[in-house]
Amino acid sequence: MTMPTPRTAAVLLTLAAMMLAGCAPAPLPAASGAGRAALIVVGADGLTRQACVTLEGGEVTGRQLLEGAGLPVVLDDRNAMGALVCSIDGQGCDYPAEACFCQCEQLGSCTYWAYFVRTPPGDWTYSALGVSAQPVRPGELHTWIWLDASKTGTEATGLLPDVGFDQVCP
């Protein structure tokens, strides 16, 4: 097993700290959604893709939500907090040929797939969990955005679409 370089370790620690800083307990979802969850993916070009996904068994993971939407996804399953999303629909990093966070290897610059969850009637909450560990419940809206990590808090959530579950899953 190879040890990460000090620079890689610093980037990963910075990302982990940013993720944990944005954590807040999410309110419990309302009894709506009828076994479905909404997914929105926002690319670097601002193009959004939306999908309404039926949840088999009532609760799935973020990974199963992405797979259920039919989008090609490249994951790094080695993260202890759940798989990392390297690429969605061809945008992102070409893992394993390059690092999953290939856009975060230079100091001061980091762009990656950030994961946010909106549970009714709440606000957006940053997910500090990897895609395979994040639970998805009926009525929730999950969004992936290709995000410059220098944007935090309200600056980051201001980039998210102002839509509700019913607009994606009518």
Protein backbone atom coordinates (compact mmCIF):
# COMPACT_ATOMS: atom_id res chain seq x y z
CA MET A 1 0.00 0.00 0.00
CA THR A 2 1.45 3.36 -0.97
CA MET A 3 1.13 6.36 1.29
CA PRO A 4 -0.29 9.58 -0.17
CA THR A 5 2.11 12.42 -0.77
CA PRO A 6 1.95 15.30 1.72
CA ARG A 7 0.27 17.44 -0.95
CA THR A 8 -2.39 14.78 -1.69
CA ALA A 9 -2.97 14.27 2.03
CA ALA A 10 -3.39 18.03 2.52
CA VAL A 11 -5.92 18.23 -0.32
CA LEU A 12 -7.89 15.28 1.05
CA LEU A 13 -7.85 16.71 4.59
CA THR A 14 -9.01 20.09 3.27
CA LEU A 15 -11.85 18.43 1.35
CA ALA A 16 -12.87 16.42 4.41
CA ALA A 17 -12.88 19.56 6.58
CA MET A 18 -14.99 21.44 4.01
CA MET A 19 -17.43 18.56 3.85
CA LEU A 20 -17.75 18.32 7.62
CA ALA A 21 -18.11 22.10 8.00
CA GLY A 22 -21.21 22.01 5.81
CA CYS A 23 -22.85 19.18 7.74
CA ALA A 24 -26.08 19.82 9.53
CA PRO A 25 -28.75 17.38 10.55
CA ALA A 26 -31.35 17.18 7.83
CA PRO A 27 -35.00 17.42 8.80
CA LEU A 28 -37.05 14.27 8.43
CA PRO A 29 -38.79 14.07 5.06
CA ALA A 30 -42.49 14.64 4.79
CA ALA A 31 -44.65 11.65 3.92
CA SER A 32 -44.70 12.50 0.23
CA GLY A 33 -42.91 11.22 -2.82
CA ALA A 34 -44.77 7.92 -3.13
CA GLY A 35 -41.58 5.86 -3.27
CA ARG A 36 -39.70 8.22 -5.58
CA ALA A 37 -36.74 10.57 -5.24
CA ALA A 38 -35.68 13.41 -7.52
CA LEU A 39 -32.19 13.81 -8.96
CA ILE A 40 -30.64 16.88 -10.57
CA VAL A 41 -27.13 17.01 -12.04
CA VAL A 42 -25.63 20.44 -12.81
CA GLY A 43 -22.56 20.40 -15.05
CA ALA A 44 -19.80 22.98 -15.44
CA ASP A 45 -21.68 24.51 -18.36
CA GLY A 46 -24.76 25.03 -16.15
CA LEU A 47 -26.69 22.41 -18.09
CA THR A 48 -29.03 20.53 -15.77
CA ARG A 49 -30.32 17.02 -16.16
CA GLN A 50 -33.27 15.85 -14.09
CA ALA A 51 -34.63 12.41 -13.28
CA CYS A 52 -37.41 11.03 -11.12
CA VAL A 53 -36.34 7.63 -9.79
CA THR A 54 -38.52 4.96 -8.19
CA LEU A 55 -36.94 3.71 -4.98
CA GLU A 56 -36.98 -0.06 -4.72
CA GLY A 57 -37.65 -1.03 -1.12
CA GLY A 58 -38.39 2.52 0.06
CA GLU A 59 -34.81 3.64 0.77
CA VAL A 60 -31.71 3.33 -1.39
CA THR A 61 -28.23 4.87 -1.52
CA GLY A 62 -27.11 7.85 -3.56
CA ARG A 63 -25.25 5.39 -5.76
CA GLN A 64 -28.46 3.49 -6.51
CA LEU A 65 -30.20 6.81 -7.25
CA LEU A 66 -27.55 7.76 -9.82
CA GLU A 67 -27.67 4.27 -11.36
CA GLY A 68 -31.48 4.40 -11.45
CA ALA A 69 -31.30 7.66 -13.40
CA GLY A 70 -29.28 5.89 -16.11
CA LEU A 71 -26.38 8.34 -16.07
CA PRO A 72 -22.88 6.96 -16.73
CA VAL A 73 -20.96 7.37 -13.47
CA VAL A 74 -17.33 6.64 -12.59
CA LEU A 75 -16.72 5.98 -8.89
CA ASP A 76 -13.76 5.43 -6.59
CA ASP A 77 -14.95 2.79 -4.11
CA ARG A 78 -11.87 3.04 -1.87
CA ASN A 79 -13.15 5.86 0.38
CA ALA A 80 -14.09 4.73 3.91
CA MET A 81 -17.03 7.18 4.03
CA GLY A 82 -18.59 5.84 0.83
CA ALA A 83 -17.65 5.88 -2.84
CA LEU A 84 -16.42 9.13 -4.36
CA VAL A 85 -17.93 10.38 -7.61
CA CYS A 86 -15.14 10.98 -10.13
CA SER A 87 -17.23 11.56 -13.25
CA ILE A 88 -20.89 11.91 -14.20
CA ASP A 89 -21.97 11.62 -17.82
CA GLY A 90 -18.38 12.02 -19.02
CA GLN A 91 -17.63 15.18 -17.02
CA GLY A 92 -15.03 15.02 -14.29
CA CYS A 93 -11.95 12.89 -13.80
CA ASP A 94 -11.01 9.78 -15.77
CA TYR A 95 -10.48 7.49 -12.80
CA PRO A 96 -8.47 5.19 -12.52
CA ALA A 97 -6.28 6.63 -15.29
CA GLU A 98 -6.08 9.80 -13.19
CA ALA A 99 -6.96 10.68 -9.59
CA CYS A 100 -10.66 10.84 -8.73
CA PHE A 101 -10.11 14.44 -7.59
CA CYS A 102 -7.85 15.27 -10.54
CA GLN A 103 -9.04 18.89 -10.52
CA CYS A 104 -7.88 19.27 -6.89
CA GLU A 105 -4.20 18.46 -7.22
CA GLN A 106 -2.94 22.06 -7.33
CA LEU A 107 -3.02 24.26 -4.26
CA GLY A 108 -5.75 26.87 -4.37
CA SER A 109 -7.72 25.15 -7.10
CA CYS A 110 -10.28 22.41 -6.63
CA THR A 111 -13.34 21.52 -8.67
CA TYR A 112 -15.23 18.32 -7.95
CA TRP A 113 -18.69 16.72 -7.90
CA ALA A 114 -20.36 18.10 -4.76
CA TYR A 115 -23.45 16.39 -3.34
CA PHE A 116 -26.42 18.23 -1.80
CA VAL A 117 -29.71 16.93 -0.40
CA ARG A 118 -33.01 18.78 0.08
CA THR A 119 -35.59 17.12 2.30
CA PRO A 120 -39.05 18.67 2.32
CA PRO A 121 -39.61 21.42 3.23
CA GLY A 122 -35.97 22.17 4.08
CA ASP A 123 -33.01 23.89 2.59
CA TRP A 124 -30.09 22.33 0.75
CA THR A 125 -27.66 20.40 2.97
CA TYR A 126 -24.16 19.42 1.85
CA SER A 127 -23.62 15.66 2.06
CA ALA A 128 -20.38 14.76 3.79
CA LEU A 129 -21.01 11.10 2.98
CA GLY A 130 -19.85 9.34 -0.13
CA VAL A 131 -22.44 8.34 -2.70
CA SER A 132 -22.63 4.73 -1.50
CA ALA A 133 -23.24 5.77 2.13
CA GLN A 134 -25.77 8.61 1.62
CA PRO A 135 -29.33 7.36 2.21
CA VAL A 136 -32.05 8.41 -0.23
CA ARG A 137 -35.62 8.49 1.05
CA PRO A 138 -38.94 9.05 -0.74
CA GLY A 139 -39.69 12.71 -1.36
CA GLU A 140 -36.08 13.87 -1.23
CA LEU A 141 -34.30 15.91 -3.89
CA HIS A 142 -30.61 15.07 -4.48
CA THR A 143 -28.32 17.28 -6.55
CA TRP A 144 -24.82 16.82 -7.88
CA ILE A 145 -23.02 19.96 -9.05
CA TRP A 146 -19.57 20.35 -10.63
CA LEU A 147 -18.43 22.86 -7.99
CA ASP A 148 -15.42 25.07 -7.42
CA ALA A 149 -14.52 24.27 -3.81
CA SER A 150 -13.78 27.94 -3.10
CA LYS A 151 -17.55 28.46 -3.11
CA THR A 152 -18.89 27.51 0.30
CA GLY A 153 -22.04 28.03 2.32
CA THR A 154 -24.69 30.23 0.73
CA GLU A 155 -22.45 30.95 -2.25
CA ALA A 156 -22.47 27.22 -3.09
CA THR A 157 -26.16 26.66 -2.35
CA GLY A 158 -27.00 29.75 -4.42
CA LEU A 159 -25.72 27.84 -7.47
CA LEU A 160 -28.20 25.00 -6.89
CA PRO A 161 -31.47 24.95 -8.81
CA ASP A 162 -34.40 26.54 -6.99
CA VAL A 163 -36.79 23.67 -7.63
CA GLY A 164 -38.75 21.34 -5.45
CA PHE A 165 -39.42 17.64 -5.55
CA ASP A 166 -42.80 18.09 -7.29
CA GLN A 167 -41.19 19.94 -10.19
CA VAL A 168 -38.89 17.00 -10.94
CA CYS A 169 -41.33 14.24 -9.96
CA PRO A 170 -44.79 15.57 -10.90
